[in-house]
Protein backbone atom coordinates (compact mmCIF):
# COMPACT_ATOMS: atom_id res chain seq x y z
CA UNK A 1 -8.15 -52.93 29.81
CA UNK A 2 -9.30 -49.63 28.36
CA UNK A 3 -6.70 -46.90 28.27
CA UNK A 4 -7.64 -43.38 29.26
CA UNK A 5 -8.00 -41.05 26.30
CA UNK A 6 -5.36 -38.34 26.19
CA UNK A 7 -6.47 -34.79 26.79
CA UNK A 8 -7.16 -32.82 23.62
CA UNK A 9 -4.88 -30.01 24.82
CA UNK A 10 -2.04 -29.99 27.33
CA UNK A 11 -2.96 -28.45 30.64
CA UNK A 12 -1.47 -25.02 31.31
CA UNK A 13 1.07 -24.97 34.10
CA UNK A 14 0.16 -22.54 36.89
CA UNK A 15 2.51 -19.59 37.18
CA UNK A 16 4.93 -19.69 40.08
CA UNK A 17 3.79 -17.46 42.93
CA UNK A 18 6.72 -15.82 44.71
CA UNK A 19 6.40 -14.80 48.35
CA UNK A 20 8.20 -11.57 49.25
CA UNK A 21 8.51 -12.68 52.88
CA UNK A 22 10.33 -15.86 51.87
CA UNK A 23 12.33 -14.50 48.97
CA UNK A 24 16.06 -14.36 49.81
CA UNK A 25 17.73 -10.99 50.14
CA UNK A 26 20.62 -10.27 47.79
CA UNK A 27 23.87 -8.59 48.85
CA UNK A 28 26.86 -8.91 46.62
CA UNK A 29 29.26 -7.84 43.92
CA UNK A 30 30.07 -9.15 40.47
CA UNK A 31 33.51 -7.82 39.62
CA UNK A 32 33.15 -8.33 35.87
CA UNK A 33 29.60 -8.75 34.55
CA UNK A 34 29.06 -9.76 30.94
CA UNK A 35 26.04 -10.65 28.82
CA UNK A 36 26.25 -12.74 25.67
CA UNK A 37 30.06 -12.38 25.75
CA UNK A 38 29.77 -8.58 25.93
CA UNK A 39 31.57 -7.11 28.98
CA UNK A 40 29.37 -4.65 30.87
CA UNK A 41 31.20 -3.75 34.06
CA UNK A 42 31.16 -4.12 37.85
CA UNK A 43 27.81 -4.76 39.52
CA UNK A 44 26.98 -4.08 43.18
CA UNK A 45 23.55 -4.85 44.63
CA UNK A 46 22.02 -4.47 48.10
CA UNK A 47 18.46 -5.37 49.14
CA UNK A 48 16.53 -5.27 52.42
CA UNK A 49 13.13 -6.28 53.76
CA UNK A 50 10.58 -3.64 54.74
CA UNK A 51 9.25 -3.59 58.30
CA UNK A 52 6.17 -1.56 57.37
CA UNK A 53 4.63 -3.82 54.73
CA UNK A 54 5.26 -6.97 52.74
CA UNK A 55 7.96 -5.75 50.39
CA UNK A 56 11.61 -5.92 49.45
CA UNK A 57 13.64 -2.77 48.85
CA UNK A 58 16.34 -2.51 46.25
CA UNK A 59 18.51 -0.25 48.37
CA UNK A 60 21.12 0.18 45.67
CA UNK A 61 22.12 -1.31 42.36
CA UNK A 62 25.28 0.14 40.83
CA UNK A 63 26.74 -0.80 37.47
CA UNK A 64 30.08 0.74 36.55
CA UNK A 65 31.81 0.27 33.23
CA UNK A 66 34.36 2.14 31.20
CA UNK A 67 31.70 4.22 29.44
CA UNK A 68 28.69 3.96 31.77
CA UNK A 69 27.70 4.49 35.36
CA UNK A 70 24.21 3.38 36.34
CA UNK A 71 22.56 3.71 39.74
CA UNK A 72 19.15 2.34 40.62
CA UNK A 73 16.88 1.80 43.61
CA UNK A 74 13.40 0.37 43.85
CA UNK A 75 10.81 -1.72 45.62
CA UNK A 76 8.81 -4.89 45.15
CA UNK A 77 5.56 -4.67 47.15
CA UNK A 78 3.16 -7.56 47.52
CA UNK A 79 -0.54 -7.70 48.46
CA UNK A 80 -2.82 -10.77 48.67
CA UNK A 81 -3.97 -10.47 45.07
CA UNK A 82 -1.29 -8.47 43.28
CA UNK A 83 2.34 -7.45 43.04
CA UNK A 84 3.87 -4.10 42.16
CA UNK A 85 7.46 -3.22 41.28
CA UNK A 86 9.10 0.16 40.79
CA UNK A 87 12.58 1.39 39.99
CA UNK A 88 14.31 4.77 39.93
CA UNK A 89 17.21 4.86 37.48
CA UNK A 90 20.05 7.25 36.68
CA UNK A 91 22.58 6.53 33.96
CA UNK A 92 25.60 8.67 33.02
CA UNK A 93 28.04 8.18 30.19
CA UNK A 94 30.96 10.38 29.11
CA UNK A 95 30.60 9.08 25.54
CA UNK A 96 27.28 7.71 24.26
CA UNK A 97 28.78 6.44 21.01
CA UNK A 98 31.48 4.39 22.76
CA UNK A 99 29.01 3.16 25.37
CA UNK A 100 26.65 1.79 22.69
CA UNK A 101 29.55 0.24 20.77
CA UNK A 102 30.93 -1.39 23.94
CA UNK A 103 27.52 -2.98 24.56
CA UNK A 104 27.42 -4.44 21.06
CA UNK A 105 25.08 -1.91 19.39
CA UNK A 106 25.66 -0.37 15.97
CA UNK A 107 27.50 2.94 15.91
CA UNK A 108 24.84 5.66 15.55
CA UNK A 109 26.40 8.37 17.69
CA UNK A 110 29.92 9.69 18.02
CA UNK A 111 30.73 11.30 21.34
CA UNK A 112 27.86 12.66 23.40
CA UNK A 113 28.02 13.15 27.16
CA UNK A 114 24.78 11.55 28.30
CA UNK A 115 22.47 11.59 31.32
CA UNK A 116 19.30 9.50 31.54
CA UNK A 117 17.11 9.41 34.64
CA UNK A 118 13.57 8.55 35.59
CA UNK A 119 11.19 6.02 37.10
CA UNK A 120 9.62 2.80 35.84
CA UNK A 121 6.69 0.76 37.22
CA UNK A 122 5.11 -2.59 36.37
CA UNK A 123 2.32 -4.64 38.01
CA UNK A 124 4.30 -7.79 38.74
CA UNK A 125 7.33 -9.14 40.58
CA UNK A 126 10.78 -7.93 39.53
CA UNK A 127 11.26 -11.24 37.72
CA UNK A 128 7.91 -10.83 35.95
CA UNK A 129 8.85 -7.61 34.15
CA UNK A 130 7.78 -7.46 30.50
CA UNK A 131 7.97 -4.67 27.95
CA UNK A 132 4.20 -4.69 27.45
CA UNK A 133 3.53 -3.90 31.12
CA UNK A 134 6.04 -1.12 31.82
CA UNK A 135 4.90 2.41 32.67
CA UNK A 136 7.15 5.33 33.43
CA UNK A 137 8.94 8.50 32.44
CA UNK A 138 12.59 9.03 31.52
CA UNK A 139 14.39 12.31 30.88
CA UNK A 140 17.58 12.41 28.85
CA UNK A 141 20.27 14.91 27.84
CA UNK A 142 23.02 14.28 25.30
CA UNK A 143 25.65 17.00 24.84
CA UNK A 144 28.35 17.65 22.25
CA UNK A 145 28.10 14.71 19.89
CA UNK A 146 27.35 13.68 16.32
CA UNK A 147 24.75 11.51 14.67
CA UNK A 148 27.02 9.70 12.25
CA UNK A 149 24.39 7.89 10.18
CA UNK A 150 22.82 11.06 8.71
CA UNK A 151 22.84 11.19 4.92
CA UNK A 152 24.37 14.31 3.32
CA UNK A 153 21.85 16.96 2.32
CA UNK A 154 18.92 18.28 4.31
CA UNK A 155 20.27 17.31 7.74
CA UNK A 156 23.50 19.23 7.24
CA UNK A 157 21.66 22.15 5.65
CA UNK A 158 19.51 22.47 8.80
CA UNK A 159 22.65 22.36 10.92
CA UNK A 160 24.19 25.11 8.83
CA UNK A 161 21.33 27.55 9.54
CA UNK A 162 20.60 26.48 13.13
CA UNK A 163 20.38 29.40 15.58
CA UNK A 164 22.03 27.22 18.20
CA UNK A 165 25.09 27.00 15.96
CA UNK A 166 25.34 30.80 15.47
CA UNK A 167 28.30 31.29 17.85
CA UNK A 168 30.22 28.62 15.96
CA UNK A 169 29.41 30.28 12.60
CA UNK A 170 30.59 33.69 13.86
CA UNK A 171 33.95 32.09 14.59
CA UNK A 172 33.93 30.71 11.02
CA UNK A 173 33.69 27.14 12.33
CA UNK A 174 31.85 25.03 9.74
CA UNK A 175 33.41 21.68 10.67
CA UNK A 176 30.06 20.19 11.70
CA UNK A 177 28.49 21.10 8.36
CA UNK A 178 31.20 19.58 6.19
CA UNK A 179 32.30 16.67 8.35
CA UNK A 180 30.64 13.27 8.57
CA UNK A 181 27.22 13.08 10.17
CA UNK A 182 25.29 15.83 11.93
CA UNK A 183 26.91 17.52 14.91
CA UNK A 184 24.78 18.72 17.82
CA UNK A 185 25.49 20.79 20.93
CA UNK A 186 22.62 19.36 22.98
CA UNK A 187 19.66 17.01 22.64
CA UNK A 188 17.11 16.95 25.46
CA UNK A 189 13.86 15.07 25.73
CA UNK A 190 11.43 13.05 27.78
CA UNK A 191 10.32 9.49 27.10
CA UNK A 192 6.85 8.54 28.32
CA UNK A 193 6.37 4.79 28.50
CA UNK A 194 2.84 3.33 28.47
CA UNK A 195 1.99 -0.35 27.94
CA UNK A 196 5.51 -0.90 26.65
CA UNK A 197 5.27 1.79 23.98
CA UNK A 198 7.40 4.95 24.03
């Protein structure tokens, strides 16, 4: 008998199509969430199904840790030929430096009361999110902290003559100029995300 010749290339598996009407709703709490052995905090999530169109609402997602408090809501909408997901996020931390360290990141900041909020969108299911497809805008404010990885020299010289630091200079407070890193009173900005680039 003649054996069939093997295909020159393996066939590509079709992607799994999720149906929002059949997808289970999630209601629950994880008392102690961790990722890669890094403790993150308590997670609460609530979802519901829309009566107006084929979609699932993320009514609330709350993540509470020692140095972070994140709240999010969103929606996964589905049409015959496409999916769309969106999420509104707000994150607060009393200490950005300790929050980053607690999540396993290198220490870049010391202190820094932080607020981050905004909206993100991507043209797929919530499980199909990828960095290359995310669009959105995030605003952030970090107050009263230090960037501890700044080399001595120009960074401290700028801090010494900063107009924002004038009240501190009038009180003869030069601790931020001669201490480690670069102290700041406030950093504010806006991150625009397009095709995964910021």
